[in-house]
């Protein structure tokens, strides 16, 4: 999933292990997209990558025009944000007890 986001030019990608602090998932992947169109492309890239490499399915929740898309694969939840929405919701701070496994700037 992270590779798909990198391939689609996602920015500030964070893989966060939250399995010790959350009961609903094991990992968050958080990524920025610089436009509505880019957020949609990032979501499409993740869905295409997971279709062939990952057994669990998801759909995209939210609207790119609102700056936040979410895909829930069960053990992994992918959050795609505009930079403003990412700063506003600040999931990194909210889930700061989790462990950063990877950060791609």
N, C-alpha and C. Protein backbone atom coordinates (compact mmCIF):
# COMPACT_ATOMS: atom_id res chain seq x y z
N UNK A 1 0.83 -1.19 0.00
CA UNK A 1 0.00 0.00 0.00
C UNK A 1 0.87 1.25 0.00
N UNK A 2 1.92 1.22 0.84
CA UNK A 2 2.83 2.37 0.87
C UNK A 2 3.50 2.55 -0.49
N UNK A 3 3.90 1.44 -1.11
CA UNK A 3 4.52 1.53 -2.44
C UNK A 3 3.58 2.14 -3.46
N UNK A 4 2.31 1.76 -3.39
CA UNK A 4 1.32 2.33 -4.32
C UNK A 4 1.19 3.83 -4.11
N UNK A 5 1.21 4.28 -2.86
CA UNK A 5 1.13 5.71 -2.57
C UNK A 5 2.37 6.44 -3.08
N UNK A 6 3.54 5.82 -2.90
CA UNK A 6 4.77 6.43 -3.43
C UNK A 6 4.72 6.51 -4.95
N UNK A 7 4.25 5.44 -5.59
CA UNK A 7 4.18 5.42 -7.06
C UNK A 7 3.27 6.52 -7.60
N UNK A 8 2.22 6.86 -6.84
CA UNK A 8 1.28 7.90 -7.27
C UNK A 8 1.67 9.29 -6.74
N UNK A 9 2.89 9.40 -6.22
CA UNK A 9 3.45 10.68 -5.76
C UNK A 9 2.78 11.22 -4.50
N UNK A 10 2.30 10.31 -3.63
CA UNK A 10 1.78 10.74 -2.34
C UNK A 10 2.88 11.40 -1.52
N UNK A 11 2.51 12.31 -0.66
CA UNK A 11 3.49 13.08 0.12
C UNK A 11 3.34 12.78 1.61
N UNK A 12 4.48 12.86 2.32
CA UNK A 12 4.52 12.71 3.77
C UNK A 12 3.75 11.45 4.21
N UNK A 13 4.20 10.31 3.72
CA UNK A 13 3.55 9.03 4.01
C UNK A 13 4.03 8.51 5.36
N UNK A 14 3.09 8.10 6.18
CA UNK A 14 3.38 7.61 7.52
C UNK A 14 2.72 6.26 7.71
N UNK A 15 3.49 5.26 8.15
CA UNK A 15 2.96 3.96 8.54
C UNK A 15 3.08 3.87 10.05
N UNK A 16 1.95 3.76 10.71
CA UNK A 16 1.87 3.83 12.16
C UNK A 16 1.29 2.52 12.71
N UNK A 17 2.03 1.88 13.61
CA UNK A 17 1.58 0.65 14.27
C UNK A 17 0.79 1.07 15.51
N UNK A 18 -0.53 0.80 15.50
CA UNK A 18 -1.37 1.18 16.63
C UNK A 18 -2.05 -0.03 17.28
N UNK A 19 -1.55 -1.24 16.98
CA UNK A 19 -2.24 -2.43 17.48
C UNK A 19 -2.24 -2.53 19.00
N UNK A 20 -1.26 -1.92 19.68
CA UNK A 20 -1.23 -1.96 21.14
C UNK A 20 -2.11 -0.89 21.78
N UNK A 21 -2.61 0.05 20.98
CA UNK A 21 -3.42 1.15 21.55
C UNK A 21 -4.81 1.26 20.93
N UNK A 22 -5.12 0.41 19.96
CA UNK A 22 -6.44 0.45 19.32
C UNK A 22 -6.95 -0.98 19.14
N UNK A 23 -8.24 -1.15 19.30
CA UNK A 23 -8.83 -2.49 19.15
C UNK A 23 -9.42 -2.72 17.75
N UNK A 24 -9.55 -1.69 16.96
CA UNK A 24 -10.26 -1.80 15.69
C UNK A 24 -9.37 -2.01 14.47
N UNK A 25 -8.07 -1.80 14.61
CA UNK A 25 -7.13 -2.01 13.51
C UNK A 25 -5.73 -2.14 14.06
N UNK A 26 -4.81 -2.58 13.22
CA UNK A 26 -3.41 -2.72 13.63
C UNK A 26 -2.54 -1.56 13.14
N UNK A 27 -2.85 -1.06 11.95
CA UNK A 27 -1.99 -0.05 11.33
C UNK A 27 -2.81 1.07 10.71
N UNK A 28 -2.25 2.27 10.78
CA UNK A 28 -2.73 3.41 10.01
C UNK A 28 -1.67 3.73 8.97
N UNK A 29 -2.11 4.02 7.77
CA UNK A 29 -1.25 4.64 6.77
C UNK A 29 -1.87 6.01 6.51
N UNK A 30 -1.07 7.05 6.67
CA UNK A 30 -1.53 8.42 6.49
C UNK A 30 -0.69 9.05 5.38
N UNK A 31 -1.36 9.73 4.46
CA UNK A 31 -0.66 10.29 3.30
C UNK A 31 -1.34 11.58 2.85
N UNK A 32 -0.56 12.50 2.34
CA UNK A 32 -1.08 13.75 1.78
C UNK A 32 -1.19 13.66 0.26
N UNK A 33 -2.22 14.32 -0.24
CA UNK A 33 -2.36 14.58 -1.67
C UNK A 33 -2.58 16.07 -1.84
N UNK A 34 -2.01 16.65 -2.87
CA UNK A 34 -2.02 18.11 -3.00
C UNK A 34 -3.26 18.67 -3.69
N UNK A 35 -4.13 17.79 -4.19
CA UNK A 35 -5.35 18.26 -4.86
C UNK A 35 -6.42 17.17 -4.76
N UNK A 36 -7.66 17.55 -5.08
CA UNK A 36 -8.76 16.57 -5.11
C UNK A 36 -8.43 15.44 -6.08
N UNK A 37 -7.95 15.82 -7.23
CA UNK A 37 -7.62 14.84 -8.27
C UNK A 37 -6.53 13.88 -7.79
N UNK A 38 -5.54 14.42 -7.08
CA UNK A 38 -4.47 13.57 -6.58
C UNK A 38 -4.98 12.62 -5.50
N UNK A 39 -5.85 13.09 -4.61
CA UNK A 39 -6.42 12.21 -3.59
C UNK A 39 -7.16 11.05 -4.24
N UNK A 40 -7.93 11.33 -5.28
CA UNK A 40 -8.63 10.27 -6.00
C UNK A 40 -7.65 9.28 -6.64
N UNK A 41 -6.57 9.80 -7.22
CA UNK A 41 -5.57 8.94 -7.85
C UNK A 41 -4.86 8.07 -6.81
N UNK A 42 -4.58 8.63 -5.64
CA UNK A 42 -3.96 7.86 -4.56
C UNK A 42 -4.87 6.72 -4.13
N UNK A 43 -6.15 7.02 -3.94
CA UNK A 43 -7.12 6.00 -3.53
C UNK A 43 -7.20 4.90 -4.59
N UNK A 44 -7.27 5.29 -5.84
CA UNK A 44 -7.34 4.31 -6.93
C UNK A 44 -6.09 3.44 -6.95
N UNK A 45 -4.94 4.05 -6.73
CA UNK A 45 -3.68 3.30 -6.71
C UNK A 45 -3.64 2.27 -5.60
N UNK A 46 -4.12 2.63 -4.41
CA UNK A 46 -4.16 1.68 -3.30
C UNK A 46 -5.12 0.55 -3.61
N UNK A 47 -6.30 0.87 -4.12
CA UNK A 47 -7.28 -0.16 -4.45
C UNK A 47 -6.75 -1.12 -5.52
N UNK A 48 -6.08 -0.59 -6.53
CA UNK A 48 -5.51 -1.44 -7.58
C UNK A 48 -4.42 -2.35 -7.02
N UNK A 49 -3.55 -1.80 -6.16
CA UNK A 49 -2.46 -2.58 -5.58
C UNK A 49 -3.00 -3.68 -4.66
N UNK A 50 -4.00 -3.36 -3.89
CA UNK A 50 -4.52 -4.35 -2.95
C UNK A 50 -5.36 -5.42 -3.65
N UNK A 51 -5.90 -5.09 -4.79
CA UNK A 51 -6.71 -6.06 -5.54
C UNK A 51 -5.89 -7.31 -5.87
N UNK A 52 -4.62 -7.11 -6.22
CA UNK A 52 -3.81 -8.26 -6.61
C UNK A 52 -2.93 -8.79 -5.48
N UNK A 53 -2.58 -7.97 -4.50
CA UNK A 53 -1.63 -8.39 -3.48
C UNK A 53 -2.23 -8.62 -2.09
N UNK A 54 -3.49 -8.32 -1.91
CA UNK A 54 -4.06 -8.32 -0.57
C UNK A 54 -5.45 -8.94 -0.63
N UNK A 55 -5.75 -9.81 0.28
CA UNK A 55 -7.01 -10.56 0.24
C UNK A 55 -8.22 -9.74 0.66
N UNK A 56 -8.03 -8.75 1.51
CA UNK A 56 -9.17 -7.99 2.03
C UNK A 56 -9.54 -6.85 1.09
N UNK A 57 -10.81 -6.59 1.00
CA UNK A 57 -11.33 -5.54 0.12
C UNK A 57 -11.77 -4.33 0.94
N UNK A 58 -11.79 -3.19 0.30
CA UNK A 58 -12.28 -1.97 0.92
C UNK A 58 -12.91 -1.11 -0.16
N UNK A 59 -13.60 -0.12 0.29
CA UNK A 59 -14.10 0.91 -0.62
C UNK A 59 -13.65 2.25 -0.05
N UNK A 60 -13.77 3.25 -0.85
CA UNK A 60 -13.34 4.59 -0.44
C UNK A 60 -14.51 5.30 0.24
N UNK A 61 -14.25 5.80 1.43
CA UNK A 61 -15.23 6.60 2.17
C UNK A 61 -14.77 8.05 2.15
N UNK A 62 -15.69 8.98 2.10
CA UNK A 62 -15.36 10.40 2.09
C UNK A 62 -15.33 10.93 0.67
N UNK A 63 -15.03 12.21 0.57
CA UNK A 63 -14.98 12.88 -0.73
C UNK A 63 -13.68 13.66 -0.83
N UNK A 64 -13.04 13.52 -1.97
CA UNK A 64 -11.77 14.22 -2.14
C UNK A 64 -11.93 15.72 -2.01
N UNK A 65 -13.09 16.26 -2.41
CA UNK A 65 -13.33 17.70 -2.32
C UNK A 65 -13.34 18.17 -0.86
N UNK A 66 -13.61 17.26 0.07
CA UNK A 66 -13.60 17.60 1.49
C UNK A 66 -12.23 17.39 2.12
N UNK A 67 -11.30 16.81 1.36
CA UNK A 67 -9.92 16.70 1.82
C UNK A 67 -9.59 15.51 2.69
N UNK A 68 -10.47 14.50 2.75
CA UNK A 68 -10.16 13.32 3.56
C UNK A 68 -10.87 12.11 2.99
N UNK A 69 -10.10 11.13 2.57
CA UNK A 69 -10.61 9.84 2.11
C UNK A 69 -10.10 8.76 3.05
N UNK A 70 -10.93 7.77 3.33
CA UNK A 70 -10.56 6.67 4.22
C UNK A 70 -10.86 5.35 3.53
N UNK A 71 -9.93 4.41 3.68
CA UNK A 71 -10.13 3.04 3.20
C UNK A 71 -9.82 2.10 4.36
N UNK A 72 -10.79 1.27 4.73
CA UNK A 72 -10.65 0.35 5.86
C UNK A 72 -10.50 -1.07 5.33
N UNK A 73 -9.31 -1.64 5.52
CA UNK A 73 -9.03 -3.01 5.10
C UNK A 73 -9.04 -3.96 6.29
N UNK A 74 -9.59 -3.54 7.41
CA UNK A 74 -9.62 -4.37 8.61
C UNK A 74 -8.39 -4.13 9.46
N UNK A 75 -7.29 -4.79 9.12
CA UNK A 75 -6.06 -4.61 9.90
C UNK A 75 -5.27 -3.38 9.50
N UNK A 76 -5.62 -2.76 8.39
CA UNK A 76 -4.97 -1.52 7.93
C UNK A 76 -6.05 -0.52 7.54
N UNK A 77 -5.91 0.70 8.05
CA UNK A 77 -6.80 1.80 7.66
C UNK A 77 -5.94 2.86 6.98
N UNK A 78 -6.31 3.22 5.77
CA UNK A 78 -5.56 4.21 4.99
C UNK A 78 -6.32 5.53 5.02
N UNK A 79 -5.62 6.59 5.44
CA UNK A 79 -6.18 7.94 5.49
C UNK A 79 -5.45 8.79 4.45
N UNK A 80 -6.19 9.36 3.53
CA UNK A 80 -5.64 10.24 2.51
C UNK A 80 -6.18 11.64 2.76
N UNK A 81 -5.28 12.57 2.99
CA UNK A 81 -5.65 13.92 3.40
C UNK A 81 -5.12 14.99 2.45
N UNK A 82 -5.84 16.11 2.39
CA UNK A 82 -5.22 17.34 1.91
C UNK A 82 -4.33 17.81 3.07
N UNK A 83 -3.28 18.59 2.79
CA UNK A 83 -2.42 19.05 3.88
C UNK A 83 -3.19 19.79 4.98
N UNK A 84 -4.16 20.63 4.61
CA UNK A 84 -4.93 21.38 5.61
C UNK A 84 -5.74 20.46 6.51
N UNK A 85 -6.40 19.48 5.93
CA UNK A 85 -7.22 18.55 6.72
C UNK A 85 -6.34 17.67 7.60
N UNK A 86 -5.19 17.29 7.09
CA UNK A 86 -4.29 16.47 7.92
C UNK A 86 -3.84 17.26 9.14
N UNK A 87 -3.52 18.50 8.94
CA UNK A 87 -3.12 19.34 10.07
C UNK A 87 -4.28 19.53 11.04
N UNK A 88 -5.48 19.73 10.51
CA UNK A 88 -6.65 19.95 11.35
C UNK A 88 -6.97 18.73 12.21
N UNK A 89 -7.01 17.54 11.61
CA UNK A 89 -7.38 16.34 12.36
C UNK A 89 -6.21 15.78 13.17
N UNK A 90 -5.00 16.01 12.74
CA UNK A 90 -3.78 15.67 13.48
C UNK A 90 -3.81 14.26 14.07
N UNK A 91 -4.04 13.27 13.21
CA UNK A 91 -4.08 11.88 13.67
C UNK A 91 -2.76 11.43 14.28
N UNK A 92 -1.66 11.99 13.82
CA UNK A 92 -0.36 11.63 14.40
C UNK A 92 -0.32 11.95 15.89
N UNK A 93 -0.88 13.08 16.27
CA UNK A 93 -0.92 13.46 17.69
C UNK A 93 -1.95 12.62 18.44
N UNK A 94 -3.11 12.44 17.84
CA UNK A 94 -4.17 11.66 18.47
C UNK A 94 -3.72 10.23 18.76
N UNK A 95 -2.95 9.64 17.87
CA UNK A 95 -2.47 8.27 18.02
C UNK A 95 -0.97 8.25 18.31
N UNK A 96 -0.47 9.22 19.05
CA UNK A 96 0.97 9.34 19.31
C UNK A 96 1.53 8.20 20.16
N UNK A 97 0.67 7.42 20.80
CA UNK A 97 1.16 6.25 21.54
C UNK A 97 1.50 5.09 20.61
N UNK A 98 1.13 5.22 19.35
CA UNK A 98 1.50 4.21 18.36
C UNK A 98 2.97 4.34 17.99
N UNK A 99 3.47 3.35 17.27
CA UNK A 99 4.88 3.33 16.89
C UNK A 99 5.02 3.64 15.40
N UNK A 100 5.84 4.62 15.08
CA UNK A 100 6.10 4.96 13.68
C UNK A 100 7.01 3.88 13.09
N UNK A 101 6.51 3.17 12.09
CA UNK A 101 7.29 2.13 11.43
C UNK A 101 8.02 2.65 10.20
N UNK A 102 7.42 3.65 9.55
CA UNK A 102 8.00 4.19 8.32
C UNK A 102 7.46 5.59 8.08
N UNK A 103 8.35 6.46 7.66
CA UNK A 103 7.93 7.80 7.25
C UNK A 103 8.68 8.14 5.97
N UNK A 104 7.92 8.46 4.92
CA UNK A 104 8.50 8.84 3.64
C UNK A 104 8.12 10.28 3.39
N UNK A 105 9.10 11.17 3.39
CA UNK A 105 8.84 12.60 3.23
C UNK A 105 8.76 12.96 1.81
